[in-house]
Protein backbone atom coordinates (compact mmCIF):
# COMPACT_ATOMS: atom_id res chain seq x y z
CA MET A 1 188.50 210.99 79.66
CA LYS A 2 185.86 211.40 77.01
CA LYS A 3 187.32 208.44 75.16
CA SER A 4 187.16 206.33 78.24
CA VAL A 5 183.50 207.16 78.78
CA ILE A 6 182.62 206.50 75.17
CA LEU A 7 184.43 203.07 75.26
CA LEU A 8 182.57 202.22 78.44
CA LEU A 9 179.21 203.03 76.93
CA ILE A 10 180.00 201.04 73.85
CA LEU A 11 181.03 198.02 75.97
CA ILE A 12 177.78 198.27 78.02
CA MET A 13 175.70 198.34 74.80
CA ILE A 14 177.56 195.27 73.43
CA LEU A 15 177.03 193.32 76.69
CA SER A 16 173.30 194.29 76.67
CA MET A 17 172.81 193.14 73.14
CA ALA A 18 174.55 189.83 73.94
CA GLY A 19 172.25 189.30 76.89
CA CYS A 20 169.19 189.98 74.85
CA LYS A 21 170.30 187.66 72.11
CA LYS A 22 170.88 184.85 74.70
CA LYS A 23 167.46 185.37 76.13
CA ASP A 24 165.80 185.31 72.69
CA ASN A 25 167.56 182.09 71.79
CA THR A 26 166.36 180.20 74.88
CA GLU A 27 163.87 177.49 73.91
CA ILE A 28 160.65 177.84 75.92
CA LYS A 29 159.14 174.41 76.17
CA PRO A 30 155.28 174.20 76.39
CA THR A 31 153.75 172.47 79.35
CA VAL A 32 152.58 169.09 78.19
CA THR A 33 149.75 167.38 80.03
CA PRO A 34 150.46 163.67 80.06
CA THR A 35 147.80 161.52 78.27
CA VAL A 36 146.29 158.84 80.48
CA THR A 37 145.34 155.80 78.53
CA ALA A 38 142.19 154.16 79.96
CA THR A 39 142.43 150.49 80.66
CA PRO A 40 139.83 148.73 78.48
CA THR A 41 137.08 146.92 80.32
CA PRO A 42 137.34 143.24 79.54
CA THR A 43 134.40 141.97 77.41
CA ALA A 44 132.70 138.95 78.91
CA THR A 45 132.79 135.93 76.67
CA PRO A 46 129.20 134.86 76.01
CA THR A 47 128.32 131.42 77.27
CA PRO A 48 127.29 129.34 74.27
CA SER A 49 123.68 128.09 74.43
CA PRO A 50 123.43 124.37 74.63
CA THR A 51 122.80 122.82 71.33
CA VAL A 52 119.36 121.17 71.30
CA LYS A 53 119.63 118.09 69.18
CA PRO A 54 116.56 117.33 67.16
CA GLU A 55 114.70 114.26 68.44
CA ASN A 56 115.63 111.19 66.52
CA HIS A 57 112.50 109.10 65.81
CA ASP A 58 114.00 106.92 63.14
CA GLY A 59 112.14 103.59 63.12
CA GLU A 60 109.33 105.16 65.22
CA ALA A 61 105.79 106.40 64.65
CA LYS A 62 103.08 108.08 66.71
CA SER A 63 100.90 105.58 68.54
CA LYS A 64 97.26 105.58 67.45
CA LEU A 65 96.24 104.99 71.10
CA THR A 66 98.43 107.39 73.05
CA GLY A 67 99.92 109.84 70.55
CA LEU A 68 103.36 108.97 71.95
CA TRP A 69 106.36 107.79 69.92
CA VAL A 70 106.59 104.01 69.66
CA SER A 71 108.36 101.64 67.37
CA LYS A 72 106.81 101.39 63.91
CA LYS A 73 106.34 97.69 64.48
CA VAL A 74 104.23 98.36 67.60
CA SER A 75 102.39 101.30 65.96
CA ASN A 76 101.12 99.01 63.14
CA LYS A 77 99.87 96.31 65.41
CA ARG A 78 96.15 95.79 65.99
CA PRO A 79 95.40 96.22 69.71
CA TYR A 80 93.82 93.75 72.11
CA ALA A 81 90.66 94.73 74.05
CA ILE A 82 90.73 92.73 77.31
CA MET A 83 87.91 92.53 79.84
CA PHE A 84 88.74 93.01 83.53
CA ASN A 85 86.95 91.91 86.57
CA ASN A 86 86.39 94.86 88.84
CA ILE A 87 85.09 93.78 92.17
CA LYS A 88 86.81 94.27 95.53
CA LYS A 89 87.67 90.67 96.25
CA ALA A 90 89.26 90.34 92.82
CA SER A 91 91.41 93.42 93.35
CA PRO A 92 94.09 94.41 92.53
CA GLN A 93 94.00 93.33 88.86
CA SER A 94 97.08 92.40 86.94
CA GLY A 95 98.26 94.26 83.86
CA THR A 96 95.84 97.22 84.00
CA SER A 97 98.66 99.75 83.98
CA GLU A 98 99.77 98.43 80.62
CA ALA A 99 96.54 99.41 78.89
CA SER A 100 96.93 102.54 76.77
CA ILE A 101 93.15 103.26 77.26
CA LEU A 102 90.93 101.99 80.06
CA TYR A 103 87.15 101.96 79.83
CA GLU A 104 84.78 101.55 82.73
CA ALA A 105 80.95 101.02 82.65
CA LEU A 106 78.17 99.55 84.78
CA VAL A 107 77.14 95.98 84.40
CA GLU A 108 74.52 94.18 86.47
CA GLY A 109 74.17 94.59 90.21
CA GLY A 110 75.78 98.03 90.48
CA ILE A 111 79.26 96.72 89.82
CA THR A 112 81.49 98.03 87.05
CA ARG A 113 83.59 96.18 84.53
CA MET A 114 86.65 97.44 82.74
CA MET A 115 88.14 96.95 79.34
CA GLY A 116 91.72 97.80 78.58
CA ILE A 117 92.91 98.63 75.04
CA PHE A 118 96.45 97.23 74.78
CA GLU A 119 98.94 98.35 72.11
CA ASP A 120 101.60 95.93 73.29
CA LEU A 121 101.74 93.08 75.81
CA ASN A 122 104.66 93.01 78.24
CA LYS A 123 103.55 90.97 81.21
CA THR A 124 102.53 87.34 81.35
CA ARG A 125 99.74 87.69 83.94
CA ILE A 126 96.68 89.68 82.75
CA GLY A 127 93.36 89.63 84.56
CA SER A 128 91.40 88.37 86.14
CA VAL A 129 89.48 88.28 82.85
CA ARG A 130 85.67 88.27 82.86
CA SER A 131 82.82 87.87 80.45
CA ALA A 132 81.81 90.09 77.51
CA ARG A 133 79.08 92.67 77.36
CA HIS A 134 77.68 93.81 74.04
CA TYR A 135 78.48 97.51 74.45
CA PHE A 136 82.12 96.68 75.19
CA VAL A 137 82.10 94.62 71.97
CA SER A 138 80.97 97.70 70.09
CA ILE A 139 83.73 99.82 71.66
CA ALA A 140 86.41 97.21 70.83
CA ASP A 141 85.27 97.45 67.17
CA GLU A 142 86.06 101.18 67.18
CA TYR A 143 89.74 100.27 67.57
CA ASP A 144 89.79 97.32 65.22
CA ALA A 145 90.84 95.34 68.30
CA ILE A 146 90.97 91.62 68.94
CA TYR A 147 88.54 91.09 71.82
CA VAL A 148 89.67 88.90 74.76
CA HIS A 149 87.08 87.65 77.33
CA TYR A 150 86.19 84.69 79.51
CA GLY A 151 82.47 84.10 78.83
CA GLU A 152 79.79 86.25 77.36
CA THR A 153 76.09 87.09 77.53
CA THR A 154 73.81 86.12 74.67
CA TYR A 155 73.65 89.84 73.80
CA ALA A 156 77.41 89.94 73.48
CA THR A 157 77.53 86.73 71.38
CA LYS A 158 75.04 88.27 68.91
CA LYS A 159 77.01 91.52 68.78
CA ILE A 160 80.32 89.67 68.15
CA SER A 161 78.62 87.83 65.27
CA ALA A 162 76.95 90.92 63.83
CA LEU A 163 80.13 92.96 63.76
CA GLY A 164 82.43 90.12 62.78
CA ILE A 165 84.68 90.68 65.78
CA ASN A 166 87.95 88.70 66.09
CA ASN A 167 87.77 87.34 69.61
CA LEU A 168 89.51 85.00 72.00
CA SER A 169 87.03 83.47 74.48
CA GLY A 170 87.81 81.27 77.43
CA LEU A 171 84.68 79.20 76.78
CA THR A 172 85.87 77.86 73.43
CA GLY A 173 88.46 75.36 72.34
CA ILE A 174 91.07 78.11 72.38
CA GLY A 175 90.42 78.80 76.09
CA ASP A 176 93.10 76.54 77.56
CA THR A 177 95.68 78.04 75.27
CA VAL A 178 94.94 81.67 76.10
CA PHE A 179 93.98 81.39 79.78
CA TYR A 180 94.93 79.60 83.00
CA ARG A 181 93.32 79.33 86.43
CA ASP A 182 94.97 80.65 89.59
CA HIS A 183 93.58 78.18 92.16
CA SER A 184 94.57 80.40 95.10
CA ILE A 185 91.66 82.68 94.02
CA PRO A 186 87.98 81.49 94.15
CA ALA A 187 86.31 80.95 90.70
CA PRO A 188 85.03 82.63 88.66
CA HIS A 189 87.46 85.42 89.53
CA ASN A 190 90.59 83.41 88.89
CA ALA A 191 90.93 83.28 85.04
CA PHE A 192 94.08 84.95 83.78
CA ALA A 193 95.42 85.43 80.29
CA THR A 194 99.09 85.28 79.33
CA LYS A 195 100.95 87.20 76.67
CA GLU A 196 102.19 83.94 75.15
CA GLY A 197 98.72 82.44 75.25
CA ILE A 198 97.12 85.50 73.61
CA LEU A 199 99.72 85.53 70.84
CA LYS A 200 99.41 81.79 70.35
CA GLY A 201 95.62 81.97 70.23
CA THR A 202 95.81 84.76 67.66
CA GLU A 203 98.07 82.66 65.59
CA ILE A 204 95.86 79.59 65.79
CA LYS A 205 92.75 81.62 64.88
CA GLY A 206 94.65 83.12 61.93
CA TYR A 207 93.66 86.74 62.85
CA GLU A 208 95.36 89.58 61.01
CA THR A 209 97.75 91.31 63.44
CA GLU A 210 98.17 94.62 61.71
CA TYR A 211 95.88 97.54 61.18
CA PRO A 212 94.15 97.81 57.76
CA LYS A 213 95.76 100.48 55.65
CA ASP A 214 92.63 102.67 55.74
CA TYR A 215 92.34 102.63 59.52
CA GLU A 216 92.29 106.27 60.71
CA GLY A 217 92.74 105.93 64.47
CA HIS A 218 90.33 106.88 67.28
CA PHE A 219 91.84 110.20 68.53
CA THR A 220 93.54 113.34 67.35
CA PHE A 221 96.50 114.32 69.55
CA TYR A 222 98.45 117.46 70.26
CA ASP A 223 102.12 117.28 69.20
CA LYS A 224 103.11 118.16 72.80
CA ASP A 225 101.51 118.57 76.17
CA THR A 226 98.97 121.42 76.02
CA ASN A 227 96.91 123.10 78.72
CA LEU A 228 93.17 123.69 78.12
CA SER A 229 91.82 127.20 77.80
CA SER A 230 89.31 126.86 80.63
CA ASP A 231 88.43 128.58 83.89
CA LYS A 232 87.14 125.27 85.37
CA ASN A 233 89.73 123.75 87.65
CA VAL A 234 89.38 120.01 88.39
CA ASN A 235 91.66 118.53 90.98
CA LYS A 236 89.30 115.64 92.00
CA ILE A 237 86.85 113.58 89.97
CA THR A 238 84.41 111.26 91.70
CA LEU A 239 82.27 108.85 89.61
CA LYS A 240 79.33 107.62 91.72
CA PHE A 241 78.40 104.65 89.49
CA SER A 242 76.60 103.02 92.44
CA ASN A 243 76.80 102.60 96.18
CA TYR A 244 79.26 99.78 95.55
CA ALA A 245 81.42 101.42 92.89
CA SER A 246 82.47 105.07 93.32
CA PRO A 247 85.99 105.41 92.03
CA TYR A 248 87.76 108.76 92.11
CA PHE A 249 90.83 110.48 90.73
CA THR A 250 93.10 113.19 92.24
CA TYR A 251 95.31 115.47 90.23
CA ASP A 252 99.09 115.34 90.76
CA SER A 253 100.17 118.79 89.58
CA LYS A 254 103.85 117.83 89.62
CA GLU A 255 103.41 114.82 87.36
CA LYS A 256 100.36 116.39 85.54
CA LEU A 257 98.50 113.10 85.86
CA TYR A 258 95.29 111.89 87.52
CA ASP A 259 95.83 109.09 90.08
CA ARG A 260 93.01 106.60 90.48
CA PHE A 261 91.48 105.31 93.72
CA GLN A 262 88.75 102.76 94.31
CA PHE A 263 87.34 100.82 97.26
CA ASP A 264 88.84 103.53 99.51
CA THR A 265 92.44 102.85 98.56
CA LYS A 266 94.91 103.42 95.73
CA HIS A 267 94.06 101.46 92.61
CA ILE A 268 97.28 99.62 91.84
CA ASP A 269 98.42 97.08 89.30
CA TYR A 270 99.33 93.76 91.03
CA ASN A 271 102.13 93.23 88.54
CA THR A 272 104.00 96.49 89.28
CA GLY A 273 102.60 97.67 92.63
CA LYS A 274 102.17 101.10 91.07
CA GLN A 275 99.04 103.22 91.15
CA LEU A 276 97.07 103.71 87.95
CA ALA A 277 97.46 107.24 86.59
CA TYR A 278 96.08 108.94 83.45
CA LYS A 279 96.90 112.01 81.37
CA ASN A 280 93.36 112.20 79.95
CA ILE A 281 89.96 111.66 81.57
CA ILE A 282 86.87 111.47 79.37
CA VAL A 283 83.36 111.19 80.85
CA GLN A 284 80.95 110.10 78.12
CA PHE A 285 77.28 110.45 79.20
CA VAL A 286 75.18 107.70 77.60
CA LYS A 287 71.52 106.68 77.77
CA GLU A 288 71.58 103.45 79.77
CA TRP A 289 68.84 101.04 81.11
CA ASN A 290 68.15 97.44 82.20
CA ILE A 291 67.79 95.21 79.17
CA ASP A 292 66.00 92.36 80.96
CA LYS A 293 64.80 91.08 84.38
CA ASN A 294 68.35 89.88 85.19
CA GLY A 295 69.61 93.42 85.43
CA TYR A 296 71.89 93.23 82.39
CA GLN A 297 72.56 96.71 81.10
CA THR A 298 72.38 98.17 77.61
CA MET A 299 73.19 101.64 76.33
CA ASP A 300 72.44 103.72 73.27
CA ILE A 301 75.84 103.97 71.63
CA GLU A 302 75.35 102.22 68.32
CA ASN A 303 74.17 105.18 66.26
CA SER A 304 73.90 108.03 68.70
CA GLU A 305 75.27 111.16 70.20
CA GLY A 306 75.58 112.86 73.56
CA LYS A 307 77.56 115.07 75.87
CA GLY A 308 80.51 114.72 78.14
CA TYR A 309 83.65 116.17 79.75
CA TYR A 310 87.28 116.21 78.77
CA ILE A 311 89.69 116.73 81.65
CA THR A 312 93.50 117.15 81.55
CA ASN A 313 96.18 119.07 83.32
CA GLY A 314 93.79 120.19 86.09
CA LYS A 315 91.23 121.72 83.71
CA LYS A 316 87.82 120.68 82.20
CA VAL A 317 85.95 121.49 79.07
CA ASP A 318 82.52 120.33 77.88
CA ILE A 319 82.41 118.09 74.88
CA THR A 320 79.98 116.21 72.63
CA TRP A 321 80.30 112.83 70.99
CA LYS A 322 78.87 110.98 67.99
CA LYS A 323 79.05 107.34 67.04
CA ASN A 324 78.15 105.44 63.84
CA GLU A 325 78.57 101.74 64.51
CA GLY A 326 78.27 101.06 60.77
CA THR A 327 81.39 103.05 60.04
CA ARG A 328 83.10 102.02 63.27
CA LYS A 329 83.67 105.66 64.08
CA MET A 330 83.34 107.28 67.53
CA ARG A 331 84.40 110.88 67.68
CA TYR A 332 84.51 113.60 70.29
CA TYR A 333 84.00 117.31 69.57
CA ASP A 334 84.88 120.54 71.37
CA ALA A 335 82.46 123.46 72.11
CA GLN A 336 83.11 124.86 68.58
CA GLY A 337 82.09 121.58 66.96
CA LYS A 338 85.65 120.74 65.94
CA GLU A 339 87.06 117.27 66.50
CA LEU A 340 88.54 117.16 69.96
CA THR A 341 92.36 117.17 70.27
CA ILE A 342 93.76 115.47 73.36
CA ASN A 343 97.11 115.33 75.09
CA PRO A 344 99.59 112.50 74.41
CA GLY A 345 99.45 109.85 77.06
CA LYS A 346 97.14 107.29 78.63
CA THR A 347 93.40 107.87 78.74
CA TYR A 348 90.55 106.76 81.01
CA ILE A 349 87.04 106.76 79.64
CA ALA A 350 83.89 106.39 81.76
CA LEU A 351 80.53 105.48 80.12
CA PHE A 352 78.17 107.07 82.61
CA PRO A 353 74.32 107.19 82.71
CA ASN A 354 73.14 110.52 81.27
CA ASP A 355 70.22 110.80 83.76
CA ARG A 356 72.64 110.94 86.66
CA THR A 357 75.07 113.67 85.61
CA GLU A 358 75.01 115.06 89.18
CA ASP A 359 76.75 111.83 90.27
CA VAL A 360 79.88 112.89 88.46
CA VAL A 361 81.42 115.29 91.00
CA LEU A 362 84.18 117.59 89.89
CA SER A 363 86.03 119.42 92.64
CA ASP A 364 88.74 122.03 92.90
CA ILE A 365 90.29 120.86 96.14
CA GLY A 366 93.61 122.70 95.72
CA GLN A 367 97.02 121.12 96.08
């Protein structure tokens, strides 16, 4: 009996040890938290900036009249200064929009006359062309221009001779070559020049057609369109030359140009049907008076100085000017006394009596 008990106890101990061994040999696996791999946010591919190609101006040069790029052949040409009739029954004129610079000044009887400075001639009909005035002769000389006119006063004849101006006059033997009459228009308002005639007349006269190498040009230009630092807004300019002639300009803020009106309507070019428009407006105040009983005008611009306005891009600044006819130089200056820099483009210049500055009306009429 004792043996049986002892054997049973031994058996129980063996089974217990076997159970503990089995338990100790069981592999306990750790709980593993699965790793979640984040989906990468796709990187946006940058849009390449458009390549700005440098402007190619091979074979070109800056115009001495507009500051714009033109062919070197054109940039080296001497300009033509052409006199334009400017009365109502002779309007609209032909070719005025081709002029790089357009001058306007009083002549006798309260009417104005215009002179266009042409860098190149494209149209065949230019005019109507009228007679010379001595102050326009002096201005033409500033540009080393060949002066084109049909008739002249004795004052103009003397000035042409004194300054040695190359000119093409309708009242000389060259007249029929350069000009023709449009008989549908009453004389003397019907004389027109042609491109072919002007070039032929220049050839016959043997005039030099290129600038002298020492010619410096009339203006200094910005490289690109530039707004004036000014608090004076000008959206309308009225020039009350007389009761007969009161042209005005309105500012087109979209085009950044001043559109010209006269005789209560748009001032258009007969050749194109388009309105005259200018990037730059210069009002040059001059001392002006009657030179004789016929009402012919004269002005102090030979060796003189004065004041004025420069207007562009809807703004105005005050300027001064100085001219020395002996050196052929006419220069404009800003308020700091530095030579005026103007925007590239076409320019209109009014020679206006300095004792009537109130008749130049500048308005900010809004857009």
